[in-house]
C-alpha atoms as a PDB file:
ATOM      1  CA  MET A   1      66.385 264.624 -50.105  1.00  0.00           C
ATOM      2  CA  ILE A   2      66.468 261.281 -48.434  1.00  0.00           C
ATOM      3  CA  GLU A   3      70.065 261.695 -48.298  1.00  0.00           C
ATOM      4  CA  ASP A   4      69.893 264.773 -46.267  1.00  0.00           C
ATOM      5  CA  GLN A   5      67.828 263.038 -43.619  1.00  0.00           C
ATOM      6  CA  LYS A   6      69.278 259.780 -43.547  1.00  0.00           C
ATOM      7  CA  LYS A   7      72.085 260.870 -40.497  1.00  0.00           C
ATOM      8  CA  TRP A   8      69.318 261.431 -37.906  1.00  0.00           C
ATOM      9  CA  ILE A   9      68.291 257.817 -38.185  1.00  0.00           C
ATOM     10  CA  SER A  10      69.303 255.389 -35.731  1.00  0.00           C
ATOM     11  CA  GLU A  11      68.627 251.933 -34.884  1.00  0.00           C
ATOM     12  CA  GLY A  12      65.154 251.215 -33.466  1.00  0.00           C
ATOM     13  CA  MET A  13      63.740 254.474 -34.399  1.00  0.00           C
ATOM     14  CA  GLU A  14      60.008 254.647 -35.760  1.00  0.00           C
ATOM     15  CA  CYS A  15      60.029 256.805 -38.924  1.00  0.00           C
ATOM     16  CA  ASP A  16      56.978 257.670 -41.429  1.00  0.00           C
ATOM     17  CA  LEU A  17      57.609 257.135 -45.144  1.00  0.00           C
ATOM     18  CA  VAL A  18      56.068 259.129 -47.896  1.00  0.00           C
ATOM     19  CA  TRP A  19      55.633 256.927 -50.948  1.00  0.00           C
ATOM     20  CA  PHE A  20      54.804 258.085 -54.525  1.00  0.00           C
ATOM     21  CA  LYS A  21      54.235 255.744 -57.418  1.00  0.00           C
ATOM     22  CA  GLY A  22      55.819 252.769 -55.711  1.00  0.00           C
ATOM     23  CA  ALA A  23      59.225 254.862 -54.122  1.00  0.00           C
ATOM     24  CA  VAL A  24      59.824 255.991 -51.287  1.00  0.00           C
ATOM     25  CA  ILE A  25      60.231 260.148 -51.620  1.00  0.00           C
ATOM     26  CA  GLU A  26      60.713 261.277 -47.913  1.00  0.00           C
ATOM     27  CA  VAL A  27      61.148 259.936 -44.498  1.00  0.00           C
ATOM     28  CA  ILE A  28      60.025 261.478 -41.785  1.00  0.00           C
ATOM     29  CA  GLN A  29      61.868 261.213 -38.731  1.00  0.00           C
ATOM     30  CA  PRO A  30      60.457 261.766 -34.795  1.00  0.00           C
ATOM     31  CA  SER A  31      61.225 265.653 -34.230  1.00  0.00           C
ATOM     32  CA  PRO A  32      62.196 266.382 -31.230  1.00  0.00           C
ATOM     33  CA  TYR A  33      64.854 263.172 -30.420  1.00  0.00           C
ATOM     34  CA  VAL A  34      67.096 262.327 -27.877  1.00  0.00           C
ATOM     35  CA  TYR A  35      70.553 260.963 -29.283  1.00  0.00           C
ATOM     36  CA  GLU A  36      73.757 260.184 -27.330  1.00  0.00           C
ATOM     37  CA  VAL A  37      76.976 262.518 -27.439  1.00  0.00           C
ATOM     38  CA  THR A  38      79.133 259.986 -28.857  1.00  0.00           C
ATOM     39  CA  GLU A  39      82.270 262.424 -29.220  1.00  0.00           C
ATOM     40  CA  THR A  40      82.643 265.907 -28.282  1.00  0.00           C
ATOM     41  CA  GLU A  41      86.000 267.990 -26.826  1.00  0.00           C
ATOM     42  CA  PRO A  42      86.313 268.271 -23.433  1.00  0.00           C
ATOM     43  CA  ASN A  43      85.384 270.894 -21.086  1.00  0.00           C
ATOM     44  CA  VAL A  44      87.965 272.649 -20.829  1.00  0.00           C
ATOM     45  CA  LYS A  45      87.972 275.165 -17.125  1.00  0.00           C
ATOM     46  CA  GLY A  46      87.655 278.834 -18.219  1.00  0.00           C
ATOM     47  CA  ASN A  47      85.917 278.388 -21.361  1.00  0.00           C
ATOM     48  CA  THR A  48      82.405 278.616 -19.296  1.00  0.00           C
ATOM     49  CA  ALA A  49      81.896 281.758 -20.513  1.00  0.00           C
ATOM     50  CA  GLN A  50      78.202 282.616 -21.970  1.00  0.00           C
ATOM     51  CA  GLY A  51      77.547 281.451 -26.081  1.00  0.00           C
ATOM     52  CA  TYR A  52      80.501 278.928 -25.921  1.00  0.00           C
ATOM     53  CA  THR A  53      79.798 276.134 -28.335  1.00  0.00           C
ATOM     54  CA  LYS A  54      81.602 273.218 -29.920  1.00  0.00           C
ATOM     55  CA  PRO A  55      81.257 270.562 -32.468  1.00  0.00           C
ATOM     56  CA  ALA A  56      79.531 266.969 -31.029  1.00  0.00           C
ATOM     57  CA  VAL A  57      78.836 263.836 -33.088  1.00  0.00           C
ATOM     58  CA  LEU A  58      75.587 262.187 -32.148  1.00  0.00           C
ATOM     59  CA  SER A  59      74.951 258.183 -31.410  1.00  0.00           C
ATOM     60  CA  CYS A  60      72.971 258.609 -35.320  1.00  0.00           C
ATOM     61  CA  GLY A  61      76.743 259.985 -36.732  1.00  0.00           C
ATOM     62  CA  ALA A  62      75.448 263.275 -37.141  1.00  0.00           C
ATOM     63  CA  THR A  63      77.521 266.323 -36.266  1.00  0.00           C
ATOM     64  CA  ILE A  64      75.957 269.288 -33.970  1.00  0.00           C
ATOM     65  CA  THR A  65      77.117 272.349 -32.675  1.00  0.00           C
ATOM     66  CA  VAL A  66      76.296 272.176 -28.816  1.00  0.00           C
ATOM     67  CA  PRO A  67      76.995 274.566 -25.936  1.00  0.00           C
ATOM     68  CA  GLY A  68      80.220 273.876 -23.827  1.00  0.00           C
ATOM     69  CA  PHE A  69      79.176 272.271 -20.842  1.00  0.00           C
ATOM     70  CA  VAL A  70      77.627 269.363 -22.896  1.00  0.00           C
ATOM     71  CA  GLU A  71      80.151 266.504 -22.362  1.00  0.00           C
ATOM     72  CA  GLN A  72      80.568 262.661 -23.891  1.00  0.00           C
ATOM     73  CA  GLY A  73      78.015 260.566 -22.983  1.00  0.00           C
ATOM     74  CA  SER A  74      75.438 263.041 -22.377  1.00  0.00           C
ATOM     75  CA  GLN A  75      71.725 262.854 -23.606  1.00  0.00           C
ATOM     76  CA  VAL A  76      70.859 265.469 -25.886  1.00  0.00           C
ATOM     77  CA  LYS A  77      67.466 266.725 -27.556  1.00  0.00           C
ATOM     78  CA  VAL A  78      68.105 267.303 -31.413  1.00  0.00           C
ATOM     79  CA  ASP A  79      65.553 269.077 -33.399  1.00  0.00           C
ATOM     80  CA  THR A  80      65.759 267.010 -36.173  1.00  0.00           C
ATOM     81  CA  SER A  81      64.049 268.730 -38.904  1.00  0.00           C
ATOM     82  CA  LYS A  82      66.774 271.905 -38.232  1.00  0.00           C
ATOM     83  CA  GLY A  83      69.852 269.879 -37.431  1.00  0.00           C
ATOM     84  CA  GLU A  84      69.767 271.753 -34.000  1.00  0.00           C
ATOM     85  CA  TYR A  85      70.606 271.446 -30.257  1.00  0.00           C
ATOM     86  CA  MET A  86      67.523 271.790 -28.131  1.00  0.00           C
ATOM     87  CA  GLU A  87      68.562 270.640 -24.559  1.00  0.00           C
ATOM     88  CA  ARG A  88      70.449 268.084 -22.421  1.00  0.00           C
ATOM     89  CA  VAL A  89      68.210 265.592 -21.321  1.00  0.00           C
END
């Protein structure tokens, strides 16, 4: 379970750890959390149709699907428990 959550952790983030018998069994990250989009396809003119989405790599290294209007360098709020885009910040 920790391996799945690892991709959402970024430097300086405060997380809660759940311990059991001396070992960490779960990492609880803040949700939602704001990340920077470090890599995504450029927005092509004409691709502004309702529902157009594209993949984006976040500053933590995770990849999510974002609306077509989100550009590289944008700050986005992500629901880390579901791994879903919420809004542009």
